[in-house]
Amino acid sequence: MELLQIKCPTCQSAVLQSHTTYATQHHGRRIIYKCASCLDYFSETKKTLMAGVKTPVSVIWHVVKARTEGMGFNAAARTFEKAKNTILAWERKFSDLYRVLFLYALVHEF
């Protein structure tokens, strides 16, 4: 069983065809898949944490890391030149993931 196997978000089928690719502003090229079972078209990021995220992951990581290390909300908005609502949305979206990655880093550091 492959852990990161892409499946159709509609019917969960793993029988997919690569339909086309598209260029993103910061994340390179991405693939549009076509499900052989339900004939649905979808992006590789559909229904994932990265769906709809336009900012590079490295920038999001720096902002969330600075906030967890004690940087104030307004200071983070000024320093990283991002809107307060954007930072708040990132914190809500990635807060659980941050805890998992932090624990993973602790386990594999020693």
Protein backbone atom coordinates (compact mmCIF):
# COMPACT_ATOMS: atom_id res chain seq x y z
CA MET A 1 0.00 0.00 0.00
CA GLU A 2 1.41 3.35 -1.00
CA LEU A 3 0.87 6.05 1.62
CA LEU A 4 0.85 9.02 -0.73
CA GLN A 5 -1.03 7.47 -3.64
CA ILE A 6 -3.30 9.99 -5.34
CA LYS A 7 -6.95 8.98 -5.43
CA CYS A 8 -10.00 10.56 -6.97
CA PRO A 9 -11.57 12.92 -4.40
CA THR A 10 -15.04 12.03 -5.71
CA CYS A 11 -15.05 8.22 -5.82
CA GLN A 12 -11.68 7.31 -4.18
CA SER A 13 -10.57 5.32 -7.23
CA ALA A 14 -6.82 5.00 -7.80
CA VAL A 15 -7.25 4.44 -11.56
CA LEU A 16 -6.28 7.86 -12.90
CA GLN A 17 -5.04 9.32 -16.14
CA SER A 18 -2.86 12.40 -16.44
CA HIS A 19 -4.98 14.83 -18.46
CA THR A 20 -2.92 18.03 -18.65
CA THR A 21 -0.58 20.24 -16.64
CA TYR A 22 -0.75 23.86 -15.62
CA ALA A 23 1.80 26.34 -14.30
CA THR A 24 1.44 27.94 -10.89
CA GLN A 25 3.01 31.21 -9.89
CA HIS A 26 5.18 29.80 -7.07
CA HIS A 27 4.83 26.02 -7.02
CA GLY A 28 5.95 25.01 -10.52
CA ARG A 29 3.79 22.77 -12.68
CA ARG A 30 0.86 20.73 -11.42
CA ILE A 31 -1.10 17.92 -13.00
CA ILE A 32 -4.81 17.77 -13.79
CA TYR A 33 -5.98 14.17 -13.49
CA LYS A 34 -8.98 12.42 -14.99
CA CYS A 35 -10.57 9.59 -13.04
CA ALA A 36 -11.19 6.51 -15.17
CA SER A 37 -14.12 5.44 -12.97
CA CYS A 38 -16.26 8.56 -12.54
CA LEU A 39 -14.70 10.71 -15.31
CA ASP A 40 -14.11 13.60 -12.88
CA TYR A 41 -11.23 16.03 -13.51
CA PHE A 42 -9.25 17.32 -10.53
CA SER A 43 -5.99 18.94 -9.53
CA GLU A 44 -3.44 17.06 -7.44
CA THR A 45 -4.09 19.50 -4.58
CA LYS A 46 -7.90 19.23 -4.52
CA LYS A 47 -9.19 18.52 -1.01
CA THR A 48 -5.71 18.83 0.52
CA LEU A 49 -4.25 21.45 2.86
CA MET A 50 -2.63 23.09 -0.17
CA ALA A 51 -5.91 23.62 -2.05
CA GLY A 52 -6.28 27.31 -2.84
CA VAL A 53 -2.94 28.34 -1.31
CA LYS A 54 -1.19 30.84 -3.56
CA THR A 55 1.70 31.85 -1.28
CA PRO A 56 4.90 29.78 -1.35
CA VAL A 57 4.98 27.19 1.43
CA SER A 58 8.37 28.53 2.60
CA VAL A 59 6.80 31.95 3.33
CA ILE A 60 3.89 30.38 5.21
CA TRP A 61 6.34 28.28 7.22
CA HIS A 62 8.42 31.34 8.21
CA VAL A 63 5.33 33.27 9.32
CA VAL A 64 3.82 30.40 11.34
CA LYS A 65 7.20 29.58 12.87
CA ALA A 66 7.78 33.22 13.89
CA ARG A 67 4.32 33.34 15.45
CA THR A 68 4.88 30.14 17.45
CA GLU A 69 8.22 31.48 18.65
CA GLY A 70 6.51 34.52 20.18
CA MET A 71 6.32 37.16 17.43
CA GLY A 72 3.21 39.25 17.85
CA PHE A 73 0.36 39.20 15.38
CA ASN A 74 0.78 42.80 14.21
CA ALA A 75 4.58 42.44 14.09
CA ALA A 76 4.27 39.37 11.86
CA ALA A 77 1.89 41.19 9.52
CA ARG A 78 4.34 44.11 9.21
CA THR A 79 7.50 41.99 9.00
CA PHE A 80 6.25 39.56 6.37
CA GLU A 81 4.03 42.12 4.59
CA LYS A 82 0.95 39.92 4.76
CA ALA A 83 -2.60 40.83 5.72
CA LYS A 84 -3.71 39.95 9.25
CA ASN A 85 -6.64 37.93 7.92
CA THR A 86 -4.24 35.92 5.72
CA ILE A 87 -1.97 35.08 8.66
CA LEU A 88 -4.98 34.15 10.79
CA ALA A 89 -6.28 31.85 8.03
CA TRP A 90 -2.87 30.15 7.76
CA GLU A 91 -2.70 29.63 11.52
CA ARG A 92 -6.13 28.03 11.53
CA LYS A 93 -5.37 25.87 8.51
CA PHE A 94 -1.88 24.69 9.46
CA SER A 95 -1.99 24.67 13.28
CA ASP A 96 -2.63 20.92 13.56
CA LEU A 97 -0.06 20.17 10.87
CA TYR A 98 2.54 22.26 12.73
CA ARG A 99 2.16 20.10 15.84
CA VAL A 100 2.62 16.92 13.81
CA LEU A 101 5.71 18.26 12.03
CA PHE A 102 7.16 19.49 15.31
CA LEU A 103 6.77 16.05 16.91
CA TYR A 104 8.23 14.40 13.81
CA ALA A 105 11.24 16.73 13.97
CA LEU A 106 11.76 15.94 17.66
CA VAL A 107 11.60 12.19 17.14
CA HIS A 108 14.01 12.22 14.22
CA GLU A 109 16.44 14.76 15.68
CA PHE A 110 17.91 12.43 18.30
